[in-house]
Amino acid sequence: MITNFAVTVDGHATIAGVSGKIGSDVDTATLMGLREQADAVLVGAGTIRAERYGRLLPEAERRSRRERGGLSQEPLAVIVSGRLELPWDVGLFTEGGGVLIVTSSDEDPPQTASPIAVDRHSERVDLAAALRRLRQERGVRLLLCEGGPRLHGVLHAEGLVDELFLTIGPLLGGGAGPRMLEGELEEPVRLDPEWLLEADGELFARYRVRR
């Protein structure tokens, strides 16, 4: 699994509640490039609500390149939502892409334009089990996680992340907003840098999780 985050220099993952104000157009292009290669995109319910997710690959040319490479038009959207409290009117559900919801809720999602499948867990979501089923039952080999911080923290705590793509915007957020990773870790996660790039003051880093 790979993860992708944008943060300010002082480590904030959002400004005014959303991450989109941190990254530039280059950051957006980087994100879309990762989505174009991924079999599935994993995201938490809170991020879906805050960012108002639309279609994962809105550009037709990116969808065409995926098809020419033997992939589906778009990556599968995988949403972790314990209570199934989701904004059903956002583009992710209204524009027809495939969605899998990983939940511990007994409720059923409403009928939407996007076909929805449910991976139901008892009591709490077991992320390790969910990822195994994605690989075994859906052939997902490259999974991209886009957050949020709580989901990212659990994934690292359970040792499920292989690589991190990090954008550092030339901004100071201030205050006590969310960081890239929330929750406790038994031990610090060691990262090995793969590369570091710069564009107009914005830094783009790629790290591999040390095993």
N, C-alpha and C. Protein backbone atom coordinates (compact mmCIF):
# COMPACT_ATOMS: atom_id res chain seq x y z
N MET A 1 0.83 -1.19 0.00
CA MET A 1 0.00 0.00 0.00
C MET A 1 0.87 1.25 0.00
N ILE A 2 0.43 2.25 -0.77
CA ILE A 2 1.08 3.55 -0.74
C ILE A 2 0.09 4.58 -0.18
N THR A 3 0.61 5.60 0.48
CA THR A 3 -0.23 6.67 0.99
C THR A 3 0.23 7.99 0.40
N ASN A 4 -0.68 8.95 0.31
CA ASN A 4 -0.36 10.26 -0.24
C ASN A 4 -0.98 11.33 0.63
N PHE A 5 -0.14 12.28 1.07
CA PHE A 5 -0.61 13.36 1.93
C PHE A 5 0.03 14.68 1.53
N ALA A 6 -0.69 15.76 1.83
CA ALA A 6 -0.13 17.11 1.72
C ALA A 6 -0.20 17.74 3.11
N VAL A 7 0.90 18.35 3.54
CA VAL A 7 0.94 18.99 4.85
C VAL A 7 1.63 20.35 4.72
N THR A 8 1.40 21.20 5.73
CA THR A 8 2.11 22.47 5.82
C THR A 8 3.49 22.22 6.43
N VAL A 9 4.33 23.24 6.41
CA VAL A 9 5.66 23.10 6.99
C VAL A 9 5.58 22.75 8.48
N ASP A 10 4.55 23.27 9.18
CA ASP A 10 4.41 22.94 10.60
C ASP A 10 3.53 21.72 10.83
N GLY A 11 3.29 20.94 9.78
CA GLY A 11 2.72 19.62 9.94
C GLY A 11 1.22 19.49 9.88
N HIS A 12 0.51 20.55 9.55
CA HIS A 12 -0.95 20.47 9.50
C HIS A 12 -1.41 19.76 8.22
N ALA A 13 -2.42 18.89 8.37
CA ALA A 13 -2.96 18.16 7.22
C ALA A 13 -4.14 18.88 6.59
N THR A 14 -4.66 19.92 7.25
CA THR A 14 -5.77 20.71 6.70
C THR A 14 -5.58 22.18 7.03
N ILE A 15 -6.22 23.02 6.23
CA ILE A 15 -6.37 24.44 6.52
C ILE A 15 -7.85 24.75 6.37
N ALA A 16 -8.45 25.31 7.41
CA ALA A 16 -9.90 25.58 7.42
C ALA A 16 -10.69 24.31 7.14
N GLY A 17 -10.17 23.18 7.64
CA GLY A 17 -10.91 21.93 7.58
C GLY A 17 -10.71 21.09 6.34
N VAL A 18 -9.97 21.57 5.34
CA VAL A 18 -9.77 20.80 4.11
C VAL A 18 -8.29 20.81 3.73
N SER A 19 -7.89 19.77 2.99
CA SER A 19 -6.48 19.66 2.59
C SER A 19 -6.19 20.37 1.27
N GLY A 20 -7.25 20.65 0.49
CA GLY A 20 -7.05 21.21 -0.84
C GLY A 20 -6.36 22.56 -0.86
N LYS A 21 -6.41 23.29 0.27
CA LYS A 21 -5.78 24.61 0.32
C LYS A 21 -4.27 24.53 0.53
N ILE A 22 -3.74 23.33 0.79
CA ILE A 22 -2.31 23.19 1.05
C ILE A 22 -1.52 23.01 -0.24
N GLY A 23 -1.98 22.11 -1.10
CA GLY A 23 -1.23 21.76 -2.30
C GLY A 23 -1.54 22.66 -3.49
N SER A 24 -0.61 22.69 -4.44
CA SER A 24 -0.74 23.47 -5.67
C SER A 24 -1.31 22.60 -6.77
N ASP A 25 -1.34 23.15 -7.99
CA ASP A 25 -1.75 22.36 -9.15
C ASP A 25 -0.79 21.19 -9.39
N VAL A 26 0.49 21.40 -9.06
CA VAL A 26 1.46 20.31 -9.21
C VAL A 26 1.14 19.17 -8.26
N ASP A 27 0.74 19.52 -7.05
CA ASP A 27 0.33 18.50 -6.08
C ASP A 27 -0.89 17.74 -6.58
N THR A 28 -1.86 18.46 -7.13
CA THR A 28 -3.05 17.81 -7.67
C THR A 28 -2.69 16.87 -8.82
N ALA A 29 -1.78 17.30 -9.69
CA ALA A 29 -1.35 16.45 -10.80
C ALA A 29 -0.64 15.20 -10.29
N THR A 30 0.14 15.35 -9.21
CA THR A 30 0.81 14.19 -8.61
C THR A 30 -0.22 13.21 -8.08
N LEU A 31 -1.23 13.73 -7.38
CA LEU A 31 -2.28 12.87 -6.85
C LEU A 31 -3.00 12.13 -7.97
N MET A 32 -3.35 12.84 -9.03
CA MET A 32 -4.06 12.21 -10.14
C MET A 32 -3.19 11.15 -10.83
N GLY A 33 -1.87 11.42 -10.89
CA GLY A 33 -0.96 10.43 -11.47
C GLY A 33 -0.93 9.15 -10.65
N LEU A 34 -0.96 9.29 -9.32
CA LEU A 34 -1.00 8.10 -8.46
C LEU A 34 -2.33 7.37 -8.62
N ARG A 35 -3.43 8.11 -8.67
CA ARG A 35 -4.73 7.47 -8.88
C ARG A 35 -4.78 6.72 -10.20
N GLU A 36 -4.15 7.30 -11.20
CA GLU A 36 -4.18 6.67 -12.53
C GLU A 36 -3.53 5.30 -12.52
N GLN A 37 -2.56 5.11 -11.63
CA GLN A 37 -1.85 3.83 -11.58
C GLN A 37 -2.46 2.83 -10.59
N ALA A 38 -3.26 3.32 -9.65
CA ALA A 38 -3.74 2.47 -8.56
C ALA A 38 -4.90 1.58 -9.01
N ASP A 39 -4.97 0.39 -8.40
CA ASP A 39 -6.14 -0.47 -8.61
C ASP A 39 -7.31 0.02 -7.78
N ALA A 40 -7.04 0.60 -6.62
CA ALA A 40 -8.09 1.08 -5.73
C ALA A 40 -7.56 2.24 -4.91
N VAL A 41 -8.48 3.12 -4.46
CA VAL A 41 -8.16 4.27 -3.63
C VAL A 41 -8.92 4.12 -2.32
N LEU A 42 -8.18 4.13 -1.21
CA LEU A 42 -8.75 3.96 0.13
C LEU A 42 -8.85 5.30 0.82
N VAL A 43 -10.01 5.59 1.41
CA VAL A 43 -10.21 6.88 2.06
C VAL A 43 -11.22 6.74 3.19
N GLY A 44 -11.03 7.51 4.25
CA GLY A 44 -11.94 7.48 5.37
C GLY A 44 -13.18 8.33 5.15
N ALA A 45 -14.24 8.02 5.90
CA ALA A 45 -15.51 8.73 5.74
C ALA A 45 -15.37 10.21 6.04
N GLY A 46 -14.56 10.56 7.06
CA GLY A 46 -14.39 11.96 7.40
C GLY A 46 -13.78 12.77 6.27
N THR A 47 -12.85 12.18 5.56
CA THR A 47 -12.23 12.86 4.43
C THR A 47 -13.22 13.02 3.28
N ILE A 48 -14.04 12.01 3.05
CA ILE A 48 -15.09 12.11 2.02
C ILE A 48 -16.02 13.28 2.35
N ARG A 49 -16.40 13.40 3.62
CA ARG A 49 -17.31 14.48 4.02
C ARG A 49 -16.64 15.84 3.89
N ALA A 50 -15.40 15.96 4.35
CA ALA A 50 -14.72 17.27 4.34
C ALA A 50 -14.36 17.73 2.94
N GLU A 51 -13.86 16.80 2.13
CA GLU A 51 -13.34 17.17 0.81
C GLU A 51 -14.40 17.10 -0.29
N ARG A 52 -15.57 16.52 0.02
CA ARG A 52 -16.66 16.40 -0.97
C ARG A 52 -16.15 15.73 -2.24
N TYR A 53 -15.72 14.50 -2.11
CA TYR A 53 -15.08 13.78 -3.20
C TYR A 53 -15.97 13.68 -4.44
N GLY A 54 -15.37 13.97 -5.58
CA GLY A 54 -16.03 13.74 -6.85
C GLY A 54 -15.46 12.49 -7.51
N ARG A 55 -15.62 12.41 -8.80
CA ARG A 55 -15.09 11.28 -9.58
C ARG A 55 -13.59 11.20 -9.39
N LEU A 56 -13.07 9.98 -9.21
CA LEU A 56 -11.64 9.85 -8.90
C LEU A 56 -10.76 10.28 -10.06
N LEU A 57 -11.18 9.99 -11.29
CA LEU A 57 -10.41 10.41 -12.47
C LEU A 57 -11.33 11.16 -13.42
N PRO A 58 -11.51 12.45 -13.22
CA PRO A 58 -12.42 13.20 -14.08
C PRO A 58 -11.93 13.41 -15.51
N GLU A 59 -10.61 13.25 -15.73
CA GLU A 59 -10.07 13.49 -17.06
C GLU A 59 -10.19 12.23 -17.93
N ALA A 60 -10.85 12.38 -19.08
CA ALA A 60 -11.08 11.24 -19.97
C ALA A 60 -9.76 10.63 -20.45
N GLU A 61 -8.74 11.45 -20.69
CA GLU A 61 -7.47 10.93 -21.18
C GLU A 61 -6.82 10.01 -20.16
N ARG A 62 -6.92 10.33 -18.89
CA ARG A 62 -6.36 9.45 -17.86
C ARG A 62 -7.12 8.11 -17.83
N ARG A 63 -8.42 8.16 -17.97
CA ARG A 63 -9.21 6.92 -18.00
C ARG A 63 -8.85 6.08 -19.21
N SER A 64 -8.62 6.74 -20.34
CA SER A 64 -8.24 6.02 -21.56
C SER A 64 -6.88 5.36 -21.42
N ARG A 65 -5.94 6.06 -20.80
CA ARG A 65 -4.61 5.47 -20.60
C ARG A 65 -4.69 4.23 -19.70
N ARG A 66 -5.54 4.29 -18.69
CA ARG A 66 -5.71 3.11 -17.84
C ARG A 66 -6.22 1.92 -18.66
N GLU A 67 -7.21 2.17 -19.48
CA GLU A 67 -7.78 1.08 -20.28
C GLU A 67 -6.74 0.51 -21.24
N ARG A 68 -5.94 1.41 -21.85
CA ARG A 68 -4.91 0.93 -22.76
C ARG A 68 -3.86 0.11 -22.01
N GLY A 69 -3.70 0.36 -20.72
CA GLY A 69 -2.76 -0.40 -19.91
C GLY A 69 -3.35 -1.65 -19.29
N GLY A 70 -4.60 -1.95 -19.64
CA GLY A 70 -5.22 -3.17 -19.13
C GLY A 70 -5.94 -3.02 -17.80
N LEU A 71 -6.15 -1.77 -17.35
CA LEU A 71 -6.86 -1.54 -16.10
C LEU A 71 -8.30 -1.12 -16.38
N SER A 72 -9.12 -1.11 -15.33
CA SER A 72 -10.46 -0.55 -15.45
C SER A 72 -10.36 0.95 -15.69
N GLN A 73 -11.46 1.55 -16.14
CA GLN A 73 -11.42 2.99 -16.43
C GLN A 73 -10.98 3.81 -15.23
N GLU A 74 -11.45 3.44 -14.06
CA GLU A 74 -11.12 4.17 -12.85
C GLU A 74 -10.78 3.19 -11.73
N PRO A 75 -9.97 3.62 -10.77
CA PRO A 75 -9.72 2.75 -9.62
C PRO A 75 -11.00 2.59 -8.79
N LEU A 76 -11.10 1.48 -8.11
CA LEU A 76 -12.20 1.25 -7.19
C LEU A 76 -12.06 2.20 -5.99
N ALA A 77 -13.13 2.88 -5.62
CA ALA A 77 -13.13 3.73 -4.43
C ALA A 77 -13.50 2.86 -3.23
N VAL A 78 -12.60 2.79 -2.25
CA VAL A 78 -12.83 2.00 -1.05
C VAL A 78 -12.96 2.96 0.13
N ILE A 79 -14.13 3.00 0.74
CA ILE A 79 -14.41 3.95 1.82
C ILE A 79 -14.55 3.20 3.13
N VAL A 80 -13.80 3.64 4.14
CA VAL A 80 -13.94 3.07 5.48
C VAL A 80 -14.90 3.96 6.26
N SER A 81 -16.03 3.39 6.66
CA SER A 81 -17.06 4.16 7.36
C SER A 81 -17.73 3.27 8.40
N GLY A 82 -17.36 3.45 9.66
CA GLY A 82 -17.92 2.61 10.70
C GLY A 82 -19.42 2.74 10.82
N ARG A 83 -19.97 3.96 10.72
CA ARG A 83 -21.41 4.19 10.94
C ARG A 83 -22.18 4.42 9.65
N LEU A 84 -21.53 4.39 8.53
CA LEU A 84 -22.17 4.59 7.22
C LEU A 84 -22.80 5.98 7.11
N GLU A 85 -22.15 6.96 7.74
CA GLU A 85 -22.63 8.34 7.65
C GLU A 85 -21.84 9.05 6.57
N LEU A 86 -22.38 9.04 5.36
CA LEU A 86 -21.66 9.55 4.20
C LEU A 86 -22.51 10.55 3.42
N PRO A 87 -21.88 11.49 2.72
CA PRO A 87 -22.61 12.47 1.92
C PRO A 87 -23.00 11.86 0.57
N TRP A 88 -24.15 11.26 0.49
CA TRP A 88 -24.53 10.48 -0.68
C TRP A 88 -24.74 11.32 -1.93
N ASP A 89 -24.74 12.65 -1.79
CA ASP A 89 -24.96 13.52 -2.95
C ASP A 89 -23.67 13.94 -3.63
N VAL A 90 -22.49 13.52 -3.13
CA VAL A 90 -21.24 13.94 -3.76
C VAL A 90 -21.00 13.17 -5.05
N GLY A 91 -20.12 13.72 -5.89
CA GLY A 91 -19.88 13.14 -7.20
C GLY A 91 -19.40 11.70 -7.17
N LEU A 92 -18.71 11.31 -6.10
CA LEU A 92 -18.23 9.93 -6.00
C LEU A 92 -19.37 8.94 -6.10
N PHE A 93 -20.57 9.35 -5.63
CA PHE A 93 -21.73 8.46 -5.66
C PHE A 93 -22.69 8.76 -6.80
N THR A 94 -22.53 9.90 -7.45
CA THR A 94 -23.51 10.28 -8.48
C THR A 94 -22.98 10.16 -9.90
N GLU A 95 -21.69 9.88 -10.06
CA GLU A 95 -21.10 9.91 -11.41
C GLU A 95 -20.71 8.53 -11.92
N GLY A 96 -21.09 7.48 -11.22
CA GLY A 96 -21.04 6.16 -11.82
C GLY A 96 -19.83 5.29 -11.59
N GLY A 97 -18.82 5.73 -10.82
CA GLY A 97 -17.67 4.87 -10.57
C GLY A 97 -17.97 3.82 -9.51
N GLY A 98 -17.22 2.72 -9.50
CA GLY A 98 -17.45 1.66 -8.54
C GLY A 98 -16.99 2.04 -7.15
N VAL A 99 -17.79 1.67 -6.13
CA VAL A 99 -17.48 2.00 -4.74
C VAL A 99 -17.64 0.75 -3.88
N LEU A 100 -16.69 0.53 -2.99
CA LEU A 100 -16.78 -0.51 -1.97
C LEU A 100 -16.73 0.18 -0.62
N ILE A 101 -17.72 -0.08 0.23
CA ILE A 101 -17.75 0.51 1.57
C ILE A 101 -17.41 -0.55 2.59
N VAL A 102 -16.38 -0.28 3.39
CA VAL A 102 -15.96 -1.17 4.47
C VAL A 102 -16.56 -0.61 5.75
N THR A 103 -17.45 -1.36 6.40
CA THR A 103 -18.19 -0.82 7.52
C THR A 103 -18.52 -1.88 8.56
N SER A 104 -18.81 -1.42 9.77
CA SER A 104 -19.31 -2.31 10.82
C SER A 104 -20.78 -2.01 11.10
N SER A 105 -21.40 -1.16 10.30
CA SER A 105 -22.80 -0.81 10.47
C SER A 105 -23.70 -1.91 9.91
N ASP A 106 -24.87 -2.08 10.52
CA ASP A 106 -25.88 -3.02 10.02
C ASP A 106 -26.76 -2.39 8.95
N GLU A 107 -26.64 -1.08 8.76
CA GLU A 107 -27.46 -0.38 7.78
C GLU A 107 -27.00 -0.72 6.36
N ASP A 108 -27.91 -0.51 5.40
CA ASP A 108 -27.57 -0.67 4.00
C ASP A 108 -27.46 0.70 3.35
N PRO A 109 -26.52 0.88 2.44
CA PRO A 109 -26.42 2.17 1.75
C PRO A 109 -27.60 2.38 0.82
N PRO A 110 -27.90 3.64 0.50
CA PRO A 110 -28.99 3.90 -0.46
C PRO A 110 -28.57 3.52 -1.87
N GLN A 111 -29.53 3.45 -2.75
CA GLN A 111 -29.22 3.20 -4.16
C GLN A 111 -28.69 4.49 -4.77
N THR A 112 -27.55 4.40 -5.43
CA THR A 112 -26.94 5.56 -6.05
C THR A 112 -26.55 5.23 -7.49
N ALA A 113 -26.17 6.27 -8.25
CA ALA A 113 -25.72 6.05 -9.63
C ALA A 113 -24.47 5.20 -9.67
N SER A 114 -23.61 5.35 -8.68
CA SER A 114 -22.41 4.53 -8.60
C SER A 114 -22.76 3.20 -7.95
N PRO A 115 -22.38 2.08 -8.57
CA PRO A 115 -22.66 0.78 -7.95
C PRO A 115 -21.87 0.63 -6.65
N ILE A 116 -22.56 0.24 -5.57
CA ILE A 116 -21.95 0.14 -4.26
C ILE A 116 -21.96 -1.30 -3.78
N ALA A 117 -20.80 -1.78 -3.35
CA ALA A 117 -20.68 -3.07 -2.67
C ALA A 117 -20.31 -2.79 -1.22
N VAL A 118 -20.61 -3.74 -0.34
CA VAL A 118 -20.35 -3.55 1.09
C VAL A 118 -19.50 -4.71 1.61
N ASP A 119 -18.43 -4.37 2.31
CA ASP A 119 -17.62 -5.34 3.06
C ASP A 119 -17.95 -5.10 4.53
N ARG A 120 -18.81 -5.97 5.10
CA ARG A 120 -19.34 -5.72 6.43
C ARG A 120 -18.54 -6.48 7.49
N HIS A 121 -18.19 -5.76 8.56
CA HIS A 121 -17.42 -6.34 9.66
C HIS A 121 -18.26 -6.27 10.93
N SER A 122 -18.05 -7.21 11.83
CA SER A 122 -18.78 -7.20 13.09
C SER A 122 -18.03 -6.37 14.13
N GLU A 123 -18.75 -5.54 14.87
CA GLU A 123 -18.26 -4.71 15.97
C GLU A 123 -17.34 -3.58 15.50
N ARG A 124 -16.25 -3.88 14.81
CA ARG A 124 -15.37 -2.83 14.31
C ARG A 124 -14.74 -3.27 13.00
N VAL A 125 -14.29 -2.31 12.23
CA VAL A 125 -13.66 -2.61 10.95
C VAL A 125 -12.27 -3.18 11.20
N ASP A 126 -11.98 -4.30 10.57
CA ASP A 126 -10.66 -4.94 10.62
C ASP A 126 -9.95 -4.59 9.31
N LEU A 127 -9.07 -3.59 9.36
CA LEU A 127 -8.44 -3.12 8.13
C LEU A 127 -7.55 -4.17 7.49
N ALA A 128 -6.82 -4.93 8.30
CA ALA A 128 -5.94 -5.97 7.74
C ALA A 128 -6.76 -6.99 6.97
N ALA A 129 -7.90 -7.40 7.52
CA ALA A 129 -8.76 -8.36 6.84
C ALA A 129 -9.36 -7.74 5.57
N ALA A 130 -9.75 -6.48 5.66
CA ALA A 130 -10.31 -5.81 4.48
C ALA A 130 -9.31 -5.75 3.35
N LEU A 131 -8.04 -5.45 3.67
CA LEU A 131 -7.01 -5.38 2.63
C LEU A 131 -6.72 -6.76 2.04
N ARG A 132 -6.76 -7.80 2.87
CA ARG A 132 -6.57 -9.16 2.34
C ARG A 132 -7.67 -9.51 1.34
N ARG A 133 -8.91 -9.15 1.68
CA ARG A 133 -10.02 -9.47 0.77
C ARG A 133 -9.90 -8.66 -0.53
N LEU A 134 -9.46 -7.42 -0.42
CA LEU A 134 -9.27 -6.64 -1.64
C LEU A 134 -8.29 -7.32 -2.58
N ARG A 135 -7.23 -7.86 -2.03
CA ARG A 135 -6.22 -8.52 -2.87
C ARG A 135 -6.73 -9.87 -3.40
N GLN A 136 -7.32 -10.67 -2.52
CA GLN A 136 -7.72 -12.03 -2.89
C GLN A 136 -8.97 -12.07 -3.75
N GLU A 137 -9.95 -11.21 -3.44
CA GLU A 137 -11.23 -11.27 -4.13
C GLU A 137 -11.37 -10.29 -5.28
N ARG A 138 -10.62 -9.20 -5.25
CA ARG A 138 -10.75 -8.17 -6.28
C ARG A 138 -9.46 -7.91 -7.04
N GLY A 139 -8.41 -8.64 -6.70
CA GLY A 139 -7.16 -8.50 -7.44
C GLY A 139 -6.45 -7.18 -7.26
N VAL A 140 -6.69 -6.48 -6.14
CA VAL A 140 -6.06 -5.19 -5.89
C VAL A 140 -4.62 -5.40 -5.46
N ARG A 141 -3.70 -4.93 -6.27
CA ARG A 141 -2.28 -5.06 -5.96
C ARG A 141 -1.66 -3.71 -5.57
N LEU A 142 -2.12 -2.65 -6.19
CA LEU A 142 -1.63 -1.31 -5.83
C LEU A 142 -2.79 -0.53 -5.22
N LEU A 143 -2.72 -0.32 -3.90
CA LEU A 143 -3.76 0.39 -3.17
C LEU A 143 -3.20 1.73 -2.70
N LEU A 144 -3.90 2.79 -3.03
CA LEU A 144 -3.50 4.15 -2.65
C LEU A 144 -4.41 4.65 -1.54
N CYS A 145 -3.84 5.05 -0.40
CA CYS A 145 -4.62 5.63 0.68
C CYS A 145 -4.45 7.15 0.68
N GLU A 146 -5.58 7.86 0.73
CA GLU A 146 -5.56 9.32 0.76
C GLU A 146 -6.02 9.89 2.11
N GLY A 147 -6.10 9.08 3.11
CA GLY A 147 -6.43 9.58 4.45
C GLY A 147 -7.86 9.32 4.85
N GLY A 148 -8.24 9.92 5.95
CA GLY A 148 -7.59 10.95 6.70
C GLY A 148 -6.58 10.49 7.75
N PRO A 149 -6.22 11.43 8.65
CA PRO A 149 -5.18 11.16 9.63
C PRO A 149 -5.47 9.97 10.55
N ARG A 150 -6.72 9.78 10.94
CA ARG A 150 -7.04 8.65 11.82
C ARG A 150 -6.84 7.33 11.10
N LEU A 151 -7.34 7.24 9.87
CA LEU A 151 -7.15 6.03 9.08
C LEU A 151 -5.67 5.78 8.84
N HIS A 152 -4.92 6.84 8.51
CA HIS A 152 -3.50 6.72 8.26
C HIS A 152 -2.77 6.21 9.50
N GLY A 153 -3.19 6.70 10.68
CA GLY A 153 -2.57 6.25 11.92
C GLY A 153 -2.79 4.76 12.17
N VAL A 154 -4.00 4.29 11.92
CA VAL A 154 -4.29 2.86 12.13
C VAL A 154 -3.50 2.00 11.15
N LEU A 155 -3.42 2.43 9.92
CA LEU A 155 -2.68 1.66 8.91
C LEU A 155 -1.20 1.52 9.31
N HIS A 156 -0.60 2.60 9.80
CA HIS A 156 0.79 2.52 10.22
C HIS A 156 0.93 1.71 11.50
N ALA A 157 -0.01 1.84 12.43
CA ALA A 157 0.05 1.08 13.67
C ALA A 157 0.00 -0.42 13.40
N GLU A 158 -0.71 -0.82 12.34
CA GLU A 158 -0.85 -2.23 12.00
C GLU A 158 0.19 -2.69 10.97
N GLY A 159 1.11 -1.80 10.59
CA GLY A 159 2.17 -2.18 9.67
C GLY A 159 1.71 -2.48 8.26
N LEU A 160 0.70 -1.75 7.78
CA LEU A 160 0.10 -2.06 6.48
C LEU A 160 0.57 -1.15 5.35
N VAL A 161 1.41 -0.16 5.67
CA VAL A 161 1.86 0.82 4.66
C VAL A 161 3.27 0.46 4.17
N ASP A 162 3.45 0.56 2.85
CA ASP A 162 4.77 0.28 2.25
C ASP A 162 5.51 1.56 1.87
N GLU A 163 4.77 2.54 1.31
CA GLU A 163 5.40 3.76 0.85
C GLU A 163 4.54 4.97 1.17
N LEU A 164 5.19 6.12 1.33
CA LEU A 164 4.50 7.38 1.60
C LEU A 164 4.96 8.43 0.59
N PHE A 165 4.00 9.04 -0.09
CA PHE A 165 4.25 10.20 -0.94
C PHE A 165 3.77 11.42 -0.16
N LEU A 166 4.66 12.37 0.05
CA LEU A 166 4.36 13.51 0.92
C LEU A 166 4.64 14.82 0.20
N THR A 167 3.63 15.69 0.15
CA THR A 167 3.80 17.04 -0.35
C THR A 167 3.88 17.99 0.84
N ILE A 168 4.90 18.84 0.88
CA ILE A 168 5.04 19.83 1.95
C ILE A 168 4.84 21.21 1.33
N GLY A 169 3.68 21.79 1.60
CA GLY A 169 3.37 23.11 1.06
C GLY A 169 4.12 24.19 1.82
N PRO A 170 4.58 25.25 1.16
CA PRO A 170 5.34 26.32 1.83
C PRO A 170 4.41 27.24 2.61
N LEU A 171 3.76 26.65 3.63
CA LEU A 171 2.77 27.36 4.43
C LEU A 171 2.96 27.02 5.90
N LEU A 172 2.52 27.93 6.77
CA LEU A 172 2.38 27.65 8.19
C LEU A 172 0.91 27.70 8.54
N GLY A 173 0.41 26.60 9.12
CA GLY A 173 -1.02 26.53 9.41
C GLY A 173 -1.39 27.12 10.75
N GLY A 174 -0.56 26.88 11.77
CA GLY A 174 -0.85 27.37 13.10
C GLY A 174 -2.03 26.63 13.73
N GLY A 175 -2.24 26.89 15.01
CA GLY A 175 -3.39 26.29 15.68
C GLY A 175 -3.20 24.82 15.98
N ALA A 176 -4.32 24.17 16.26
CA ALA A 176 -4.28 22.77 16.71
C ALA A 176 -5.03 21.83 15.78
N GLY A 177 -4.96 22.09 14.48
CA GLY A 177 -5.67 21.25 13.52
C GLY A 177 -5.06 19.87 13.42
N PRO A 178 -5.70 18.97 12.65
CA PRO A 178 -5.21 17.60 12.52
C PRO A 178 -3.85 17.52 11.83
N ARG A 179 -3.08 16.54 12.25
CA ARG A 179 -1.78 16.27 11.63
C ARG A 179 -1.95 15.15 10.61
N MET A 180 -0.87 14.79 9.96
CA MET A 180 -0.94 13.75 8.94
C MET A 180 -1.32 12.40 9.53
N LEU A 181 -0.91 12.16 10.76
CA LEU A 181 -1.13 10.87 11.40
C LEU A 181 -1.66 11.10 12.81
N GLU A 182 -2.80 10.50 13.12
CA GLU A 182 -3.37 10.59 14.46
C GLU A 182 -3.41 9.22 15.10
N GLY A 183 -3.26 9.17 16.42
CA GLY A 183 -3.27 7.90 17.14
C GLY A 183 -1.88 7.54 17.61
N GLU A 184 -1.85 6.57 18.52
CA GLU A 184 -0.59 6.14 19.12
C GLU A 184 0.09 5.04 18.31
N LEU A 185 1.41 5.06 18.29
CA LEU A 185 2.20 3.99 17.68
C LEU A 185 3.05 3.36 18.78
N GLU A 186 3.17 2.05 18.76
CA GLU A 186 4.01 1.39 19.76
C GLU A 186 5.47 1.79 19.60
N GLU A 187 5.92 1.93 18.36
CA GLU A 187 7.27 2.36 18.05
C GLU A 187 7.22 3.34 16.89
N PRO A 188 8.17 4.27 16.80
CA PRO A 188 8.21 5.16 15.64
C PRO A 188 8.35 4.35 14.35
N VAL A 189 7.70 4.81 13.30
CA VAL A 189 7.82 4.17 11.99
C VAL A 189 9.03 4.76 11.29
N ARG A 190 9.99 3.91 10.95
CA ARG A 190 11.21 4.37 10.29
C ARG A 190 10.99 4.45 8.78
N LEU A 191 11.41 5.56 8.19
CA LEU A 191 11.23 5.79 6.76
C LEU A 191 12.58 5.98 6.08
N ASP A 192 12.72 5.39 4.91
CA ASP A 192 13.91 5.59 4.09
C ASP A 192 13.54 6.46 2.89
N PRO A 193 14.20 7.63 2.71
CA PRO A 193 13.86 8.51 1.59
C PRO A 193 14.26 7.89 0.26
N GLU A 194 13.36 7.98 -0.71
CA GLU A 194 13.62 7.52 -2.08
C GLU A 194 14.03 8.68 -2.97
N TRP A 195 13.30 9.79 -2.87
CA TRP A 195 13.69 11.00 -3.60
C TRP A 195 13.01 12.22 -3.01
N LEU A 196 13.53 13.41 -3.36
CA LEU A 196 12.96 14.68 -2.92
C LEU A 196 13.04 15.66 -4.09
N LEU A 197 11.89 16.22 -4.46
CA LEU A 197 11.81 17.16 -5.57
C LEU A 197 11.24 18.49 -5.07
N GLU A 198 11.51 19.56 -5.84
CA GLU A 198 11.01 20.88 -5.47
C GLU A 198 10.43 21.58 -6.68
N ALA A 199 9.30 22.28 -6.47
CA ALA A 199 8.70 23.08 -7.54
C ALA A 199 8.04 24.30 -6.91
N ASP A 200 8.54 25.48 -7.24
CA ASP A 200 8.00 26.75 -6.72
C ASP A 200 7.85 26.74 -5.20
N GLY A 201 8.86 26.21 -4.52
CA GLY A 201 8.85 26.21 -3.06
C GLY A 201 8.13 25.04 -2.43
N GLU A 202 7.44 24.25 -3.22
CA GLU A 202 6.72 23.08 -2.73
C GLU A 202 7.63 21.86 -2.81
N LEU A 203 7.68 21.06 -1.76
CA LEU A 203 8.54 19.88 -1.73
C LEU A 203 7.71 18.61 -1.92
N PHE A 204 8.25 17.70 -2.71
CA PHE A 204 7.59 16.42 -2.98
C PHE A 204 8.55 15.31 -2.60
N ALA A 205 8.17 14.53 -1.61
CA ALA A 205 9.05 13.48 -1.09
C ALA A 205 8.40 12.11 -1.24
N ARG A 206 9.24 11.12 -1.44
CA ARG A 206 8.78 9.73 -1.48
C ARG A 206 9.62 8.94 -0.50
N TYR A 207 8.94 8.24 0.42
CA TYR A 207 9.61 7.46 1.44
C TYR A 207 9.15 6.00 1.36
N ARG A 208 10.07 5.11 1.68
CA ARG A 208 9.72 3.70 1.82
C ARG A 208 9.76 3.34 3.29
N VAL A 209 8.74 2.62 3.76
CA VAL A 209 8.69 2.19 5.16
C VAL A 209 9.73 1.10 5.38
N ARG A 210 10.60 1.33 6.36
CA ARG A 210 11.66 0.35 6.66
C ARG A 210 11.07 -0.84 7.41
N ARG A 211 11.36 -2.03 6.93
CA ARG A 211 10.88 -3.26 7.57
C ARG A 211 11.96 -3.86 8.44
